């Protein structure tokens, strides 16, 4: 009886060591990671234009970025651009089809269109996310855009 109790104690101790070696670093990384700060996103250029031949308004938004988290470099990620009115009503959300591969530094274009009846002033917010668009990987950029004015 004493021997089986000792064996069980040793077995539990070994399991505890194995769990500590393999699982604690994974948990620690996810708990203490800089979620939403893996990528530094900066505004580069934005255009809100009339395309008369197609009878639509087009938004082009360009960002530059640098990746501070080495685990993110080379991974497929995504980006979202949300278009809203000045009063905050969401008009449209656009993302990058199939995402893109994160480099150490780079740029990314976002393009979408709105009906010609859309407001003449809009707000665009851009954010980089994981490929599934569930977790933020960057800061967000927010710009007010006026039709036919380049920023």
C-alpha atoms as a PDB file:
ATOM      1  CA  UNK A   1       0.000   0.000   0.000  1.00  0.00           C
ATOM      2  CA  UNK A   2       2.814   2.441   0.860  1.00  0.00           C
ATOM      3  CA  UNK A   3       4.664   1.558  -2.364  1.00  0.00           C
ATOM      4  CA  UNK A   4       1.628   2.237  -4.596  1.00  0.00           C
ATOM      5  CA  UNK A   5       1.083   5.601  -2.875  1.00  0.00           C
ATOM      6  CA  UNK A   6       4.739   6.518  -3.527  1.00  0.00           C
ATOM      7  CA  UNK A   7       4.496   5.394  -7.156  1.00  0.00           C
ATOM      8  CA  UNK A   8       1.351   7.462  -7.645  1.00  0.00           C
ATOM      9  CA  UNK A   9       3.030  10.508  -6.115  1.00  0.00           C
ATOM     10  CA  UNK A  10       6.047  10.088  -8.419  1.00  0.00           C
ATOM     11  CA  UNK A  11       3.780   9.637 -11.423  1.00  0.00           C
ATOM     12  CA  UNK A  12       1.837  12.813 -10.545  1.00  0.00           C
ATOM     13  CA  UNK A  13       5.085  14.710 -10.103  1.00  0.00           C
ATOM     14  CA  UNK A  14       6.337  13.570 -13.527  1.00  0.00           C
ATOM     15  CA  UNK A  15       3.036  14.578 -15.156  1.00  0.00           C
ATOM     16  CA  UNK A  16       3.282  17.990 -13.488  1.00  0.00           C
ATOM     17  CA  UNK A  17       6.823  18.477 -14.856  1.00  0.00           C
ATOM     18  CA  UNK A  18       5.745  17.484 -18.377  1.00  0.00           C
ATOM     19  CA  UNK A  19       2.766  19.837 -18.284  1.00  0.00           C
ATOM     20  CA  UNK A  20       5.001  22.648 -17.000  1.00  0.00           C
ATOM     21  CA  UNK A  21       7.567  22.133 -19.742  1.00  0.00           C
ATOM     22  CA  UNK A  22       5.163  21.915 -22.675  1.00  0.00           C
ATOM     23  CA  UNK A  23       1.976  23.778 -21.835  1.00  0.00           C
ATOM     24  CA  UNK A  24       2.896  26.654 -19.529  1.00  0.00           C
ATOM     25  CA  UNK A  25       4.992  28.474 -22.192  1.00  0.00           C
ATOM     26  CA  UNK A  26       2.078  28.237 -24.638  1.00  0.00           C
ATOM     27  CA  UNK A  27      -0.367  29.623 -22.082  1.00  0.00           C
ATOM     28  CA  UNK A  28       2.088  32.302 -21.023  1.00  0.00           C
ATOM     29  CA  UNK A  29       2.587  33.425 -24.623  1.00  0.00           C
ATOM     30  CA  UNK A  30      -1.142  33.740 -25.262  1.00  0.00           C
ATOM     31  CA  UNK A  31      -1.781  35.499 -21.934  1.00  0.00           C
ATOM     32  CA  UNK A  32       1.077  37.998 -22.165  1.00  0.00           C
ATOM     33  CA  UNK A  33       1.188  38.522 -25.956  1.00  0.00           C
ATOM     34  CA  UNK A  34       0.739  42.015 -27.362  1.00  0.00           C
ATOM     35  CA  UNK A  35      -2.581  41.297 -29.050  1.00  0.00           C
ATOM     36  CA  UNK A  36      -3.446  44.163 -31.343  1.00  0.00           C
ATOM     37  CA  UNK A  37       0.123  45.456 -31.235  1.00  0.00           C
ATOM     38  CA  UNK A  38       1.908  42.901 -33.389  1.00  0.00           C
ATOM     39  CA  UNK A  39       1.758  45.315 -36.344  1.00  0.00           C
ATOM     40  CA  UNK A  40       2.208  49.092 -36.410  1.00  0.00           C
ATOM     41  CA  UNK A  41      -0.156  50.463 -39.040  1.00  0.00           C
ATOM     42  CA  UNK A  42       0.300  53.945 -40.549  1.00  0.00           C
ATOM     43  CA  UNK A  43      -1.789  56.028 -42.915  1.00  0.00           C
ATOM     44  CA  UNK A  44      -0.283  56.640 -46.344  1.00  0.00           C
ATOM     45  CA  UNK A  45      -2.962  57.906 -48.744  1.00  0.00           C
ATOM     46  CA  UNK A  46      -6.717  57.939 -49.275  1.00  0.00           C
ATOM     47  CA  UNK A  47      -9.007  58.913 -52.129  1.00  0.00           C
ATOM     48  CA  UNK A  48     -12.782  59.185 -52.321  1.00  0.00           C
ATOM     49  CA  UNK A  49     -13.628  59.650 -55.998  1.00  0.00           C
ATOM     50  CA  UNK A  50     -16.539  59.723 -58.405  1.00  0.00           C
ATOM     51  CA  UNK A  51     -16.263  57.222 -61.251  1.00  0.00           C
ATOM     52  CA  UNK A  52     -18.845  58.721 -63.651  1.00  0.00           C
ATOM     53  CA  UNK A  53     -18.447  56.033 -66.300  1.00  0.00           C
ATOM     54  CA  UNK A  54     -19.576  53.428 -63.760  1.00  0.00           C
ATOM     55  CA  UNK A  55     -21.910  55.723 -61.783  1.00  0.00           C
ATOM     56  CA  UNK A  56     -20.264  54.818 -58.453  1.00  0.00           C
ATOM     57  CA  UNK A  57     -18.054  56.342 -55.788  1.00  0.00           C
ATOM     58  CA  UNK A  58     -14.746  54.611 -55.121  1.00  0.00           C
ATOM     59  CA  UNK A  59     -12.670  54.606 -51.930  1.00  0.00           C
ATOM     60  CA  UNK A  60      -8.960  53.807 -52.105  1.00  0.00           C
ATOM     61  CA  UNK A  61      -7.068  53.633 -48.819  1.00  0.00           C
ATOM     62  CA  UNK A  62      -3.333  52.861 -48.629  1.00  0.00           C
ATOM     63  CA  UNK A  63      -1.448  51.939 -45.475  1.00  0.00           C
ATOM     64  CA  UNK A  64       2.143  51.190 -44.613  1.00  0.00           C
ATOM     65  CA  UNK A  65       2.998  48.772 -41.840  1.00  0.00           C
ATOM     66  CA  UNK A  66       5.846  47.263 -39.857  1.00  0.00           C
ATOM     67  CA  UNK A  67       5.620  43.990 -37.961  1.00  0.00           C
ATOM     68  CA  UNK A  68       7.096  43.953 -34.456  1.00  0.00           C
ATOM     69  CA  UNK A  69       6.171  40.340 -33.636  1.00  0.00           C
ATOM     70  CA  UNK A  70       8.518  37.899 -35.395  1.00  0.00           C
ATOM     71  CA  UNK A  71       5.892  35.130 -35.159  1.00  0.00           C
ATOM     72  CA  UNK A  72       3.585  37.184 -37.404  1.00  0.00           C
ATOM     73  CA  UNK A  73       6.141  37.631 -40.216  1.00  0.00           C
ATOM     74  CA  UNK A  74       5.390  35.261 -43.084  1.00  0.00           C
ATOM     75  CA  UNK A  75       1.878  34.416 -41.856  1.00  0.00           C
ATOM     76  CA  UNK A  76      -1.294  34.948 -43.860  1.00  0.00           C
ATOM     77  CA  UNK A  77      -3.221  37.799 -42.247  1.00  0.00           C
ATOM     78  CA  UNK A  78      -6.106  40.014 -43.290  1.00  0.00           C
ATOM     79  CA  UNK A  79      -7.244  43.602 -43.114  1.00  0.00           C
ATOM     80  CA  UNK A  80     -10.637  45.225 -42.766  1.00  0.00           C
ATOM     81  CA  UNK A  81     -11.870  48.599 -43.980  1.00  0.00           C
ATOM     82  CA  UNK A  82     -15.134  49.851 -42.510  1.00  0.00           C
ATOM     83  CA  UNK A  83     -16.967  52.727 -44.163  1.00  0.00           C
ATOM     84  CA  UNK A  84     -19.497  54.681 -42.124  1.00  0.00           C
ATOM     85  CA  UNK A  85     -21.416  57.939 -42.306  1.00  0.00           C
ATOM     86  CA  UNK A  86     -20.510  60.921 -40.128  1.00  0.00           C
ATOM     87  CA  UNK A  87     -23.178  59.912 -37.603  1.00  0.00           C
ATOM     88  CA  UNK A  88     -21.565  56.455 -37.231  1.00  0.00           C
ATOM     89  CA  UNK A  89     -23.944  54.367 -39.351  1.00  0.00           C
ATOM     90  CA  UNK A  90     -21.998  51.497 -40.902  1.00  0.00           C
ATOM     91  CA  UNK A  91     -22.308  51.609 -44.696  1.00  0.00           C
ATOM     92  CA  UNK A  92     -19.938  48.856 -45.808  1.00  0.00           C
ATOM     93  CA  UNK A  93     -17.193  46.533 -44.578  1.00  0.00           C
ATOM     94  CA  UNK A  94     -14.508  45.312 -46.957  1.00  0.00           C
ATOM     95  CA  UNK A  95     -11.618  42.923 -46.437  1.00  0.00           C
ATOM     96  CA  UNK A  96      -8.831  41.509 -48.565  1.00  0.00           C
ATOM     97  CA  UNK A  97      -9.921  38.335 -50.378  1.00  0.00           C
ATOM     98  CA  UNK A  98      -7.765  35.416 -49.152  1.00  0.00           C
ATOM     99  CA  UNK A  99      -5.716  37.796 -46.983  1.00  0.00           C
ATOM    100  CA  UNK A 100      -2.049  38.519 -47.603  1.00  0.00           C
ATOM    101  CA  UNK A 101       1.359  37.429 -46.363  1.00  0.00           C
ATOM    102  CA  UNK A 102       2.794  39.700 -43.668  1.00  0.00           C
ATOM    103  CA  UNK A 103       6.303  40.935 -44.427  1.00  0.00           C
ATOM    104  CA  UNK A 104       8.570  42.727 -41.961  1.00  0.00           C
ATOM    105  CA  UNK A 105       7.488  46.025 -43.580  1.00  0.00           C
ATOM    106  CA  UNK A 106       5.163  46.752 -46.448  1.00  0.00           C
ATOM    107  CA  UNK A 107       2.077  48.496 -47.734  1.00  0.00           C
ATOM    108  CA  UNK A 108      -1.478  47.405 -48.338  1.00  0.00           C
ATOM    109  CA  UNK A 109      -4.245  48.876 -50.499  1.00  0.00           C
ATOM    110  CA  UNK A 110      -7.928  48.725 -49.667  1.00  0.00           C
ATOM    111  CA  UNK A 111     -10.431  49.500 -52.432  1.00  0.00           C
ATOM    112  CA  UNK A 112     -14.204  49.444 -52.376  1.00  0.00           C
ATOM    113  CA  UNK A 113     -17.102  51.180 -54.088  1.00  0.00           C
ATOM    114  CA  UNK A 114     -20.356  52.743 -52.983  1.00  0.00           C
ATOM    115  CA  UNK A 115     -23.462  53.712 -54.956  1.00  0.00           C
ATOM    116  CA  UNK A 116     -23.419  57.222 -56.388  1.00  0.00           C
ATOM    117  CA  UNK A 117     -26.233  58.082 -53.973  1.00  0.00           C
ATOM    118  CA  UNK A 118     -23.933  57.580 -50.970  1.00  0.00           C
ATOM    119  CA  UNK A 119     -22.984  60.497 -48.679  1.00  0.00           C
ATOM    120  CA  UNK A 120     -20.370  62.988 -49.846  1.00  0.00           C
ATOM    121  CA  UNK A 121     -18.453  62.694 -46.566  1.00  0.00           C
ATOM    122  CA  UNK A 122     -17.583  59.343 -45.022  1.00  0.00           C
ATOM    123  CA  UNK A 123     -15.385  57.869 -42.318  1.00  0.00           C
ATOM    124  CA  UNK A 124     -12.978  55.023 -43.124  1.00  0.00           C
ATOM    125  CA  UNK A 125     -11.398  52.816 -40.474  1.00  0.00           C
ATOM    126  CA  UNK A 126      -8.680  50.301 -41.381  1.00  0.00           C
ATOM    127  CA  UNK A 127      -7.377  47.523 -39.136  1.00  0.00           C
ATOM    128  CA  UNK A 128      -5.203  44.429 -39.687  1.00  0.00           C
ATOM    129  CA  UNK A 129      -6.526  41.160 -38.268  1.00  0.00           C
ATOM    130  CA  UNK A 130      -5.772  37.466 -38.223  1.00  0.00           C
ATOM    131  CA  UNK A 131      -6.800  35.567 -41.355  1.00  0.00           C
ATOM    132  CA  UNK A 132     -10.219  34.711 -39.871  1.00  0.00           C
ATOM    133  CA  UNK A 133     -10.854  38.386 -39.010  1.00  0.00           C
ATOM    134  CA  UNK A 134     -11.476  37.556 -35.345  1.00  0.00           C
ATOM    135  CA  UNK A 135      -8.436  39.087 -33.598  1.00  0.00           C
ATOM    136  CA  UNK A 136      -6.888  42.509 -34.081  1.00  0.00           C
ATOM    137  CA  UNK A 137      -3.186  42.490 -34.954  1.00  0.00           C
ATOM    138  CA  UNK A 138      -2.678  46.238 -35.352  1.00  0.00           C
ATOM    139  CA  UNK A 139      -3.773  49.648 -34.283  1.00  0.00           C
ATOM    140  CA  UNK A 140      -6.641  51.105 -36.299  1.00  0.00           C
ATOM    141  CA  UNK A 141      -6.432  54.093 -38.620  1.00  0.00           C
ATOM    142  CA  UNK A 142      -9.396  56.422 -38.838  1.00  0.00           C
ATOM    143  CA  UNK A 143      -9.862  59.063 -41.572  1.00  0.00           C
ATOM    144  CA  UNK A 144     -12.714  61.343 -42.563  1.00  0.00           C
ATOM    145  CA  UNK A 145     -12.909  61.474 -46.369  1.00  0.00           C
ATOM    146  CA  UNK A 146     -14.638  64.041 -48.572  1.00  0.00           C
ATOM    147  CA  UNK A 147     -15.779  63.178 -52.076  1.00  0.00           C
ATOM    148  CA  UNK A 148     -13.227  64.235 -54.751  1.00  0.00           C
ATOM    149  CA  UNK A 149     -10.598  65.183 -52.179  1.00  0.00           C
ATOM    150  CA  UNK A 150      -7.351  63.234 -51.879  1.00  0.00           C
ATOM    151  CA  UNK A 151      -5.699  62.984 -48.481  1.00  0.00           C
END
